[in-house]
Amino acid sequence: MTKSSSIANFLDGLASETPTPGGGGAAAVCGAIGAALVSMVCNLTIGKKNYAEVEADLQAVLANAEQLRAELTGAIEEDVAAFNAVMGAYGLPRATDAEKAVRANAIQAALKSATLAPLRACKACWEVIALAAIAAEKGNLNVISDAGVAVLAANAGLRSSALNVFINAKAIKDRDFAEQQLADVNALLAQAAAATESVYQTVKTKIGA
């Protein structure tokens, strides 16, 4: 499955017996949806007379949101490639000691890549959350609920991507490397939880809920 697949085809792939696309791709889609919604709020605010004073701010948010949307959409294929690399490494021959050594090294290298890929998605989702906060604060009140959906989608993407960091880091023998990635993702999770709740409450307040 690629970023050019239709939603229906992507969901059919998720539901099928094949391992890809899987949770990593779904997590990236969540983040990309969050970014797209931030862009929508910006596009429906920019050019409006009542929001002229925040137009420059939201133009910058829009540019960043579109960059992140592209990055997270690309992460769908990156997740598939990382999974295939791990499976390919496990499938290498191991009849001799030399083959076993090559296989073991390949597995560890693939696991590192498969840990870094979802970590990059986590970081991108965190940036979407930060942009959603600006959109919720300065965006058009008529679509402010969409900023709330954006932050929730981005947080879902971050938390979901974090699971792939956890599962791959667990099997990495270079524990210094693994612990660093785990520390990074746990820091992002803590920041995202607080920021997401703050944005959600801001949106609820603005819509009078």
C-alpha atoms as a PDB file:
ATOM      1  CA  MET A   1       0.000   0.000   0.000  1.00  0.00           C
ATOM      2  CA  THR A   2       1.251   3.489  -0.829  1.00  0.00           C
ATOM      3  CA  LYS A   3       0.359   7.065  -0.013  1.00  0.00           C
ATOM      4  CA  SER A   4      -1.534   7.223  -3.322  1.00  0.00           C
ATOM      5  CA  SER A   5      -3.968   4.485  -2.282  1.00  0.00           C
ATOM      6  CA  SER A   6      -7.601   5.396  -1.766  1.00  0.00           C
ATOM      7  CA  ILE A   7      -8.989   5.331   1.749  1.00  0.00           C
ATOM      8  CA  ALA A   8     -11.102   2.291   0.853  1.00  0.00           C
ATOM      9  CA  ASN A   9      -8.101   0.385  -0.504  1.00  0.00           C
ATOM     10  CA  PHE A  10      -5.994   1.301   2.497  1.00  0.00           C
ATOM     11  CA  LEU A  11      -8.682   0.114   4.909  1.00  0.00           C
ATOM     12  CA  ASP A  12      -9.110  -3.087   2.927  1.00  0.00           C
ATOM     13  CA  GLY A  13      -5.355  -3.633   3.298  1.00  0.00           C
ATOM     14  CA  LEU A  14      -5.519  -3.008   7.030  1.00  0.00           C
ATOM     15  CA  ALA A  15      -8.358  -5.489   7.404  1.00  0.00           C
ATOM     16  CA  SER A  16      -6.699  -8.218   5.343  1.00  0.00           C
ATOM     17  CA  GLU A  17      -4.562 -11.131   6.485  1.00  0.00           C
ATOM     18  CA  THR A  18      -1.375  -9.432   5.243  1.00  0.00           C
ATOM     19  CA  PRO A  19       0.822  -7.771   7.901  1.00  0.00           C
ATOM     20  CA  THR A  20       1.230  -4.551   5.931  1.00  0.00           C
ATOM     21  CA  PRO A  21      -0.160  -1.986   5.996  1.00  0.00           C
ATOM     22  CA  GLY A  22      -0.509  -2.268   9.736  1.00  0.00           C
ATOM     23  CA  GLY A  23      -0.559  -0.244  12.900  1.00  0.00           C
ATOM     24  CA  GLY A  24       2.426   1.863  11.931  1.00  0.00           C
ATOM     25  CA  GLY A  25       0.772   2.994   8.723  1.00  0.00           C
ATOM     26  CA  ALA A  26      -2.504   3.612  10.525  1.00  0.00           C
ATOM     27  CA  ALA A  27      -0.660   5.724  13.089  1.00  0.00           C
ATOM     28  CA  ALA A  28       0.898   7.808  10.330  1.00  0.00           C
ATOM     29  CA  VAL A  29      -2.521   8.328   8.760  1.00  0.00           C
ATOM     30  CA  CYS A  30      -3.850   9.615  12.087  1.00  0.00           C
ATOM     31  CA  GLY A  31      -1.053  12.149  12.243  1.00  0.00           C
ATOM     32  CA  ALA A  32      -1.581  13.173   8.616  1.00  0.00           C
ATOM     33  CA  ILE A  33      -5.285  13.673   9.275  1.00  0.00           C
ATOM     34  CA  GLY A  34      -4.399  15.940  12.179  1.00  0.00           C
ATOM     35  CA  ALA A  35      -2.082  17.974   9.956  1.00  0.00           C
ATOM     36  CA  ALA A  36      -4.727  18.224   7.224  1.00  0.00           C
ATOM     37  CA  LEU A  37      -7.290  19.510   9.698  1.00  0.00           C
ATOM     38  CA  VAL A  38      -4.865  22.141  10.965  1.00  0.00           C
ATOM     39  CA  SER A  39      -4.438  23.229   7.349  1.00  0.00           C
ATOM     40  CA  MET A  40      -8.205  23.408   6.907  1.00  0.00           C
ATOM     41  CA  VAL A  41      -8.624  25.669   9.922  1.00  0.00           C
ATOM     42  CA  CYS A  42      -5.870  27.909   8.565  1.00  0.00           C
ATOM     43  CA  ASN A  43      -7.357  28.008   5.071  1.00  0.00           C
ATOM     44  CA  LEU A  44     -10.755  28.963   6.467  1.00  0.00           C
ATOM     45  CA  THR A  45      -9.212  31.732   8.568  1.00  0.00           C
ATOM     46  CA  ILE A  46      -6.698  33.293   6.188  1.00  0.00           C
ATOM     47  CA  GLY A  47      -8.280  36.092   4.138  1.00  0.00           C
ATOM     48  CA  LYS A  48     -11.128  36.665   6.593  1.00  0.00           C
ATOM     49  CA  LYS A  49     -11.456  40.319   7.623  1.00  0.00           C
ATOM     50  CA  ASN A  50     -12.086  39.511  11.278  1.00  0.00           C
ATOM     51  CA  TYR A  51      -8.844  37.521  11.488  1.00  0.00           C
ATOM     52  CA  ALA A  52      -6.508  39.872   9.643  1.00  0.00           C
ATOM     53  CA  GLU A  53      -4.293  40.360  12.673  1.00  0.00           C
ATOM     54  CA  VAL A  54      -3.478  36.631  12.903  1.00  0.00           C
ATOM     55  CA  GLU A  55      -3.223  35.970   9.164  1.00  0.00           C
ATOM     56  CA  ALA A  56       0.580  35.985   9.050  1.00  0.00           C
ATOM     57  CA  ASP A  57       0.747  33.579  11.994  1.00  0.00           C
ATOM     58  CA  LEU A  58      -1.667  31.160  10.382  1.00  0.00           C
ATOM     59  CA  GLN A  59       0.066  31.336   7.026  1.00  0.00           C
ATOM     60  CA  ALA A  60       3.194  30.084   8.782  1.00  0.00           C
ATOM     61  CA  VAL A  61       1.175  27.372  10.551  1.00  0.00           C
ATOM     62  CA  LEU A  62      -0.343  26.330   7.224  1.00  0.00           C
ATOM     63  CA  ALA A  63       3.055  25.954   5.573  1.00  0.00           C
ATOM     64  CA  ASN A  64       4.342  23.834   8.444  1.00  0.00           C
ATOM     65  CA  ALA A  65       1.173  21.736   8.589  1.00  0.00           C
ATOM     66  CA  GLU A  66       1.423  20.922   4.888  1.00  0.00           C
ATOM     67  CA  GLN A  67       5.050  19.899   5.273  1.00  0.00           C
ATOM     68  CA  LEU A  68       4.128  17.615   8.161  1.00  0.00           C
ATOM     69  CA  ARG A  69       1.184  16.170   6.251  1.00  0.00           C
ATOM     70  CA  ALA A  70       3.540  15.181   3.446  1.00  0.00           C
ATOM     71  CA  GLU A  71       6.036  13.729   5.923  1.00  0.00           C
ATOM     72  CA  LEU A  72       3.428  11.663   7.738  1.00  0.00           C
ATOM     73  CA  THR A  73       1.834  10.469   4.508  1.00  0.00           C
ATOM     74  CA  GLY A  74       5.258   9.291   3.396  1.00  0.00           C
ATOM     75  CA  ALA A  75       5.656   7.494   6.718  1.00  0.00           C
ATOM     76  CA  ILE A  76       3.011   4.993   5.584  1.00  0.00           C
ATOM     77  CA  GLU A  77       5.415   3.561   3.018  1.00  0.00           C
ATOM     78  CA  GLU A  78       8.341   3.960   5.389  1.00  0.00           C
ATOM     79  CA  ASP A  79       6.585   1.735   7.914  1.00  0.00           C
ATOM     80  CA  VAL A  80       6.039  -0.968   5.290  1.00  0.00           C
ATOM     81  CA  ALA A  81       9.685  -0.764   4.205  1.00  0.00           C
ATOM     82  CA  ALA A  82      10.904  -1.022   7.806  1.00  0.00           C
ATOM     83  CA  PHE A  83       8.722  -4.065   8.473  1.00  0.00           C
ATOM     84  CA  ASN A  84       9.846  -5.757   5.272  1.00  0.00           C
ATOM     85  CA  ALA A  85      13.490  -5.122   6.151  1.00  0.00           C
ATOM     86  CA  VAL A  86      13.061  -6.794   9.548  1.00  0.00           C
ATOM     87  CA  MET A  87      11.274  -9.785   8.022  1.00  0.00           C
ATOM     88  CA  GLY A  88      13.915 -10.030   5.314  1.00  0.00           C
ATOM     89  CA  ALA A  89      16.689 -10.066   7.906  1.00  0.00           C
ATOM     90  CA  TYR A  90      14.988 -12.826   9.893  1.00  0.00           C
ATOM     91  CA  GLY A  91      14.698 -14.812   6.675  1.00  0.00           C
ATOM     92  CA  LEU A  92      18.428 -14.798   5.930  1.00  0.00           C
ATOM     93  CA  PRO A  93      20.196 -18.173   5.908  1.00  0.00           C
ATOM     94  CA  ARG A  94      21.748 -19.431   9.136  1.00  0.00           C
ATOM     95  CA  ALA A  95      23.309 -22.778   8.232  1.00  0.00           C
ATOM     96  CA  THR A  96      26.865 -21.753   9.149  1.00  0.00           C
ATOM     97  CA  ASP A  97      28.405 -19.614  11.867  1.00  0.00           C
ATOM     98  CA  ALA A  98      29.283 -16.985   9.273  1.00  0.00           C
ATOM     99  CA  GLU A  99      25.697 -16.876   8.016  1.00  0.00           C
ATOM    100  CA  LYS A 100      24.404 -16.677  11.567  1.00  0.00           C
ATOM    101  CA  ALA A 101      26.637 -13.684  12.247  1.00  0.00           C
ATOM    102  CA  VAL A 102      25.509 -11.892   9.082  1.00  0.00           C
ATOM    103  CA  ARG A 103      21.879 -12.618   9.918  1.00  0.00           C
ATOM    104  CA  ALA A 104      22.207 -11.413  13.504  1.00  0.00           C
ATOM    105  CA  ASN A 105      23.824  -8.154  12.404  1.00  0.00           C
ATOM    106  CA  ALA A 106      21.192  -7.622   9.725  1.00  0.00           C
ATOM    107  CA  ILE A 107      18.392  -8.189  12.225  1.00  0.00           C
ATOM    108  CA  GLN A 108      19.814  -5.677  14.659  1.00  0.00           C
ATOM    109  CA  ALA A 109      20.340  -3.062  11.950  1.00  0.00           C
ATOM    110  CA  ALA A 110      16.789  -3.560  10.687  1.00  0.00           C
ATOM    111  CA  LEU A 111      15.365  -3.306  14.201  1.00  0.00           C
ATOM    112  CA  LYS A 112      17.174  -0.017  14.737  1.00  0.00           C
ATOM    113  CA  SER A 113      15.705   1.366  11.530  1.00  0.00           C
ATOM    114  CA  ALA A 114      12.286   0.042  12.524  1.00  0.00           C
ATOM    115  CA  THR A 115      12.620   1.903  15.834  1.00  0.00           C
ATOM    116  CA  LEU A 116      13.748   5.177  14.309  1.00  0.00           C
ATOM    117  CA  ALA A 117      10.983   5.248  11.678  1.00  0.00           C
ATOM    118  CA  PRO A 118       8.058   5.372  14.144  1.00  0.00           C
ATOM    119  CA  LEU A 119      10.045   7.713  16.382  1.00  0.00           C
ATOM    120  CA  ARG A 120      10.223  10.160  13.472  1.00  0.00           C
ATOM    121  CA  ALA A 121       6.459   9.801  13.108  1.00  0.00           C
ATOM    122  CA  CYS A 122       6.066  10.513  16.830  1.00  0.00           C
ATOM    123  CA  LYS A 123       8.083  13.708  16.477  1.00  0.00           C
ATOM    124  CA  ALA A 124       6.061  14.803  13.456  1.00  0.00           C
ATOM    125  CA  CYS A 125       2.810  14.156  15.333  1.00  0.00           C
ATOM    126  CA  TRP A 126       4.105  16.213  18.240  1.00  0.00           C
ATOM    127  CA  GLU A 127       4.730  19.107  15.867  1.00  0.00           C
ATOM    128  CA  VAL A 128       1.175  18.771  14.554  1.00  0.00           C
ATOM    129  CA  ILE A 129      -0.093  18.985  18.133  1.00  0.00           C
ATOM    130  CA  ALA A 130       1.850  22.215  18.613  1.00  0.00           C
ATOM    131  CA  LEU A 131       0.375  23.650  15.414  1.00  0.00           C
ATOM    132  CA  ALA A 132      -3.121  22.581  16.445  1.00  0.00           C
ATOM    133  CA  ALA A 133      -2.664  24.616  19.617  1.00  0.00           C
ATOM    134  CA  ILE A 134      -2.064  27.741  17.543  1.00  0.00           C
ATOM    135  CA  ALA A 135      -4.984  26.944  15.254  1.00  0.00           C
ATOM    136  CA  ALA A 136      -7.250  26.474  18.275  1.00  0.00           C
ATOM    137  CA  GLU A 137      -6.123  29.759  19.782  1.00  0.00           C
ATOM    138  CA  LYS A 138      -6.224  31.917  16.649  1.00  0.00           C
ATOM    139  CA  GLY A 139      -8.363  30.102  14.105  1.00  0.00           C
ATOM    140  CA  ASN A 140     -11.815  30.882  12.767  1.00  0.00           C
ATOM    141  CA  LEU A 141     -14.348  30.157  15.488  1.00  0.00           C
ATOM    142  CA  ASN A 142     -16.714  28.619  12.954  1.00  0.00           C
ATOM    143  CA  VAL A 143     -14.315  25.690  12.464  1.00  0.00           C
ATOM    144  CA  ILE A 144     -12.585  25.679  15.839  1.00  0.00           C
ATOM    145  CA  SER A 145     -13.924  22.209  16.643  1.00  0.00           C
ATOM    146  CA  ASP A 146     -11.790  20.919  13.787  1.00  0.00           C
ATOM    147  CA  ALA A 147      -8.683  22.112  15.617  1.00  0.00           C
ATOM    148  CA  GLY A 148      -9.823  19.890  18.469  1.00  0.00           C
ATOM    149  CA  VAL A 149     -10.206  16.913  16.168  1.00  0.00           C
ATOM    150  CA  ALA A 150      -6.765  17.729  14.730  1.00  0.00           C
ATOM    151  CA  VAL A 151      -5.039  17.590  18.094  1.00  0.00           C
ATOM    152  CA  LEU A 152      -6.784  14.354  19.060  1.00  0.00           C
ATOM    153  CA  ALA A 153      -5.869  12.710  15.753  1.00  0.00           C
ATOM    154  CA  ALA A 154      -2.253  13.820  16.063  1.00  0.00           C
ATOM    155  CA  ASN A 155      -2.058  12.553  19.633  1.00  0.00           C
ATOM    156  CA  ALA A 156      -3.536   9.222  18.550  1.00  0.00           C
ATOM    157  CA  GLY A 157      -0.875   9.041  15.859  1.00  0.00           C
ATOM    158  CA  LEU A 158       1.876   9.808  18.336  1.00  0.00           C
ATOM    159  CA  ARG A 159       0.739   7.298  20.929  1.00  0.00           C
ATOM    160  CA  SER A 160       0.198   4.632  18.292  1.00  0.00           C
ATOM    161  CA  SER A 161       3.615   5.207  16.699  1.00  0.00           C
ATOM    162  CA  ALA A 162       5.148   4.992  20.173  1.00  0.00           C
ATOM    163  CA  LEU A 163       3.959   1.390  20.449  1.00  0.00           C
ATOM    164  CA  ASN A 164       6.115   0.470  17.463  1.00  0.00           C
ATOM    165  CA  VAL A 165       9.088   2.181  19.072  1.00  0.00           C
ATOM    166  CA  PHE A 166       8.526   0.144  22.227  1.00  0.00           C
ATOM    167  CA  ILE A 167       8.137  -3.227  20.537  1.00  0.00           C
ATOM    168  CA  ASN A 168      11.195  -2.852  18.296  1.00  0.00           C
ATOM    169  CA  ALA A 169      13.440  -1.289  20.931  1.00  0.00           C
ATOM    170  CA  LYS A 170      12.764  -4.259  23.192  1.00  0.00           C
ATOM    171  CA  ALA A 171      14.593  -6.603  20.805  1.00  0.00           C
ATOM    172  CA  ILE A 172      17.623  -4.382  20.231  1.00  0.00           C
ATOM    173  CA  LYS A 173      20.806  -5.632  21.881  1.00  0.00           C
ATOM    174  CA  ASP A 174      22.499  -2.236  21.845  1.00  0.00           C
ATOM    175  CA  ARG A 175      20.780  -1.099  25.001  1.00  0.00           C
ATOM    176  CA  ASP A 176      22.346   2.364  25.013  1.00  0.00           C
ATOM    177  CA  PHE A 177      20.742   3.015  21.629  1.00  0.00           C
ATOM    178  CA  ALA A 178      17.443   1.471  22.678  1.00  0.00           C
ATOM    179  CA  GLU A 179      17.216   3.355  25.968  1.00  0.00           C
ATOM    180  CA  GLN A 180      17.872   6.655  24.217  1.00  0.00           C
ATOM    181  CA  GLN A 181      15.007   6.093  21.793  1.00  0.00           C
ATOM    182  CA  LEU A 182      12.723   5.024  24.639  1.00  0.00           C
ATOM    183  CA  ALA A 183      13.630   8.133  26.621  1.00  0.00           C
ATOM    184  CA  ASP A 184      12.876  10.305  23.607  1.00  0.00           C
ATOM    185  CA  VAL A 185       9.495   8.743  22.945  1.00  0.00           C
ATOM    186  CA  ASN A 186       8.455   8.811  26.606  1.00  0.00           C
ATOM    187  CA  ALA A 187       9.300  12.513  26.774  1.00  0.00           C
ATOM    188  CA  LEU A 188       7.153  13.143  23.703  1.00  0.00           C
ATOM    189  CA  LEU A 189       4.272  11.165  25.189  1.00  0.00           C
ATOM    190  CA  ALA A 190       4.348  13.195  28.398  1.00  0.00           C
ATOM    191  CA  GLN A 191       4.457  16.521  26.557  1.00  0.00           C
ATOM    192  CA  ALA A 192       1.750  15.473  24.126  1.00  0.00           C
ATOM    193  CA  ALA A 193      -0.651  14.329  26.834  1.00  0.00           C
ATOM    194  CA  ALA A 194      -0.590  17.699  28.575  1.00  0.00           C
ATOM    195  CA  ALA A 195      -0.663  19.733  25.354  1.00  0.00           C
ATOM    196  CA  THR A 196      -3.514  17.715  23.851  1.00  0.00           C
ATOM    197  CA  GLU A 197      -5.684  18.122  26.912  1.00  0.00           C
ATOM    198  CA  SER A 198      -4.953  21.854  26.986  1.00  0.00           C
ATOM    199  CA  VAL A 199      -5.975  22.299  23.349  1.00  0.00           C
ATOM    200  CA  TYR A 200      -9.066  20.148  23.840  1.00  0.00           C
ATOM    201  CA  GLN A 201     -10.180  22.273  26.772  1.00  0.00           C
ATOM    202  CA  THR A 202      -9.497  25.464  24.816  1.00  0.00           C
ATOM    203  CA  VAL A 203     -11.721  24.242  22.013  1.00  0.00           C
ATOM    204  CA  LYS A 204     -14.468  23.154  24.401  1.00  0.00           C
ATOM    205  CA  THR A 205     -14.406  26.582  26.026  1.00  0.00           C
ATOM    206  CA  LYS A 206     -14.612  28.384  22.692  1.00  0.00           C
ATOM    207  CA  ILE A 207     -17.580  26.363  21.505  1.00  0.00           C
ATOM    208  CA  GLY A 208     -19.295  26.765  24.872  1.00  0.00           C
ATOM    209  CA  ALA A 209     -19.299  23.087  25.778  1.00  0.00           C
END
